[in-house]
Amino acid sequence: QVQLVESGGDLVQSGGSLRLACKASGFTFNNYRWSVVRQPPGKDLEWVSYISSAGGNKDYADSVKGRFTISVDRAENTLYLQMNSLNSEDTARYFCATPLGIHSHDYFTSGGTLAWGDFAARGQGTQVTVSS
């Protein structure tokens, strides 16, 4: 059974840090590209970060660049997102997801509206709330 389980979300003060984890099971982690997306309250999905299947390529949305770091522990089949210098605009539910193979990386960074149909699998999300 394919399953993605996120954890690590919490209520944190502005300027604080969190590390999100996404544990994958039921499939070969290395065969997939990975993204982290978030959904702020009442807003559309927003692409946050990307890591290639081999882990050599990483990318970040401008809004988080320099503050967030994506990584993968392949032995544990777990993706991590280290989030530093959090601010109120980071408040959202965060999801790990694997993009559909038909979509290039540019599709997710172009700023267009994303939908869950753009991803082959996703977790249930973890809530991050940043208080000012």
Protein backbone atom coordinates (compact mmCIF):
# COMPACT_ATOMS: atom_id res chain seq x y z
CA GLN A 1 0.00 0.00 0.00
CA VAL A 2 1.41 3.36 -1.10
CA GLN A 3 1.48 5.72 1.82
CA LEU A 4 3.00 9.11 2.64
CA VAL A 5 2.81 10.35 6.21
CA GLU A 6 3.86 13.87 7.13
CA SER A 7 4.78 15.00 10.62
CA GLY A 8 6.52 17.84 12.39
CA GLY A 9 3.99 20.61 11.98
CA ASP A 10 3.34 22.76 15.01
CA LEU A 11 2.52 26.22 16.34
CA VAL A 12 5.69 28.30 16.37
CA GLN A 13 6.55 31.93 16.92
CA SER A 14 7.72 34.14 14.11
CA GLY A 15 11.44 33.64 13.56
CA GLY A 16 11.32 30.08 14.78
CA SER A 17 12.18 26.81 13.07
CA LEU A 18 10.53 23.50 12.34
CA ARG A 19 11.56 20.33 10.56
CA LEU A 20 8.90 18.53 8.65
CA ALA A 21 9.24 14.84 7.84
CA CYS A 22 7.49 12.77 5.18
CA LYS A 23 7.76 9.02 5.58
CA ALA A 24 7.11 7.00 2.44
CA SER A 25 6.12 3.36 2.31
CA GLY A 26 4.86 0.94 -0.27
CA PHE A 27 7.05 2.06 -3.16
CA THR A 28 10.65 2.68 -4.12
CA PHE A 29 11.50 6.14 -2.89
CA ASN A 30 14.39 6.65 -5.29
CA ASN A 31 12.24 6.21 -8.38
CA TYR A 32 10.29 9.41 -7.86
CA ARG A 33 10.70 13.15 -7.89
CA TRP A 34 9.43 14.84 -4.76
CA SER A 35 7.78 18.12 -4.03
CA VAL A 36 6.57 19.90 -0.96
CA VAL A 37 3.47 21.99 -1.49
CA ARG A 38 1.44 23.99 0.98
CA GLN A 39 -2.06 25.31 1.22
CA PRO A 40 -2.63 28.43 3.29
CA PRO A 41 -6.10 28.84 4.80
CA GLY A 42 -8.61 29.68 2.08
CA LYS A 43 -5.98 29.77 -0.66
CA ASP A 44 -4.77 27.59 -3.53
CA LEU A 45 -1.99 25.06 -3.43
CA GLU A 46 1.43 26.63 -3.54
CA TRP A 47 4.57 24.85 -4.66
CA VAL A 48 7.35 25.17 -2.06
CA SER A 49 10.26 22.90 -2.89
CA TYR A 50 11.49 20.10 -5.11
CA ILE A 51 14.12 17.37 -5.02
CA SER A 52 14.98 15.10 -7.90
CA SER A 53 14.83 11.33 -7.71
CA ALA A 54 18.60 11.11 -7.39
CA GLY A 55 18.68 14.01 -4.97
CA GLY A 56 21.12 16.02 -7.03
CA ASN A 57 18.72 18.76 -8.02
CA LYS A 58 16.82 20.90 -5.57
CA ASP A 59 14.72 23.98 -6.04
CA TYR A 60 12.73 26.37 -3.90
CA ALA A 61 10.01 28.93 -4.31
CA ASP A 62 11.35 32.47 -4.08
CA SER A 63 9.28 33.02 -0.94
CA VAL A 64 11.23 30.34 0.97
CA LYS A 65 14.62 30.40 -0.74
CA GLY A 66 17.42 30.78 1.76
CA ARG A 67 15.17 29.76 4.65
CA PHE A 68 14.00 26.24 3.76
CA THR A 69 16.14 23.21 2.95
CA ILE A 70 14.86 19.98 1.45
CA SER A 71 16.68 16.69 1.92
CA VAL A 72 16.12 12.96 1.74
CA ASP A 73 17.22 10.08 3.94
CA ARG A 74 17.00 7.19 1.51
CA ALA A 75 17.78 4.58 4.10
CA GLU A 76 14.70 5.72 6.01
CA ASN A 77 12.58 6.49 2.94
CA THR A 78 11.95 9.89 4.47
CA LEU A 79 11.94 13.39 3.04
CA TYR A 80 12.71 16.34 5.29
CA LEU A 81 12.02 20.03 5.01
CA GLN A 82 13.99 22.20 7.40
CA MET A 83 12.21 25.51 7.81
CA ASN A 84 14.00 28.44 9.44
CA SER A 85 13.09 32.06 10.01
CA LEU A 86 9.41 31.27 9.79
CA ASN A 87 6.95 34.09 9.37
CA SER A 88 3.18 34.39 9.33
CA GLU A 89 3.04 33.94 5.56
CA ASP A 90 4.37 30.40 6.05
CA THR A 91 1.22 29.43 7.91
CA ALA A 92 -0.32 26.59 5.90
CA ARG A 93 -0.89 22.89 5.73
CA TYR A 94 2.20 21.30 4.22
CA PHE A 95 2.15 18.22 2.04
CA CYS A 96 4.75 16.03 0.42
CA ALA A 97 3.76 14.77 -3.00
CA THR A 98 5.23 13.12 -6.03
CA PRO A 99 4.53 14.97 -9.29
CA LEU A 100 2.90 13.29 -12.24
CA GLY A 101 5.52 12.17 -14.71
CA ILE A 102 3.92 14.17 -17.51
CA HIS A 103 4.67 17.45 -15.77
CA SER A 104 8.06 19.06 -16.09
CA HIS A 105 9.58 20.89 -13.16
CA ASP A 106 8.78 24.17 -14.91
CA TYR A 107 5.09 23.35 -14.66
CA PHE A 108 5.25 23.67 -10.89
CA THR A 109 7.46 26.75 -10.79
CA SER A 110 5.57 28.75 -13.41
CA GLY A 111 3.17 30.20 -10.88
CA GLY A 112 0.10 28.58 -12.40
CA THR A 113 -2.71 27.19 -10.29
CA LEU A 114 -1.92 23.72 -8.99
CA ALA A 115 -4.35 20.95 -8.24
CA TRP A 116 -4.08 17.58 -6.55
CA GLY A 117 -4.53 16.02 -9.97
CA ASP A 118 -1.02 17.25 -10.80
CA PHE A 119 0.43 14.76 -8.34
CA ALA A 120 0.55 10.99 -8.42
CA ALA A 121 0.51 10.60 -4.64
CA ARG A 122 0.42 12.82 -1.59
CA GLY A 123 0.20 12.61 2.16
CA GLN A 124 -2.45 13.93 4.50
CA GLY A 125 -0.42 16.99 5.38
CA THR A 126 0.83 18.56 8.57
CA GLN A 127 -0.24 21.96 9.89
CA VAL A 128 2.27 24.74 10.41
CA THR A 129 1.04 27.82 12.20
CA VAL A 130 3.34 30.79 12.74
CA SER A 131 2.27 33.35 15.30
CA SER A 132 3.48 36.93 14.96
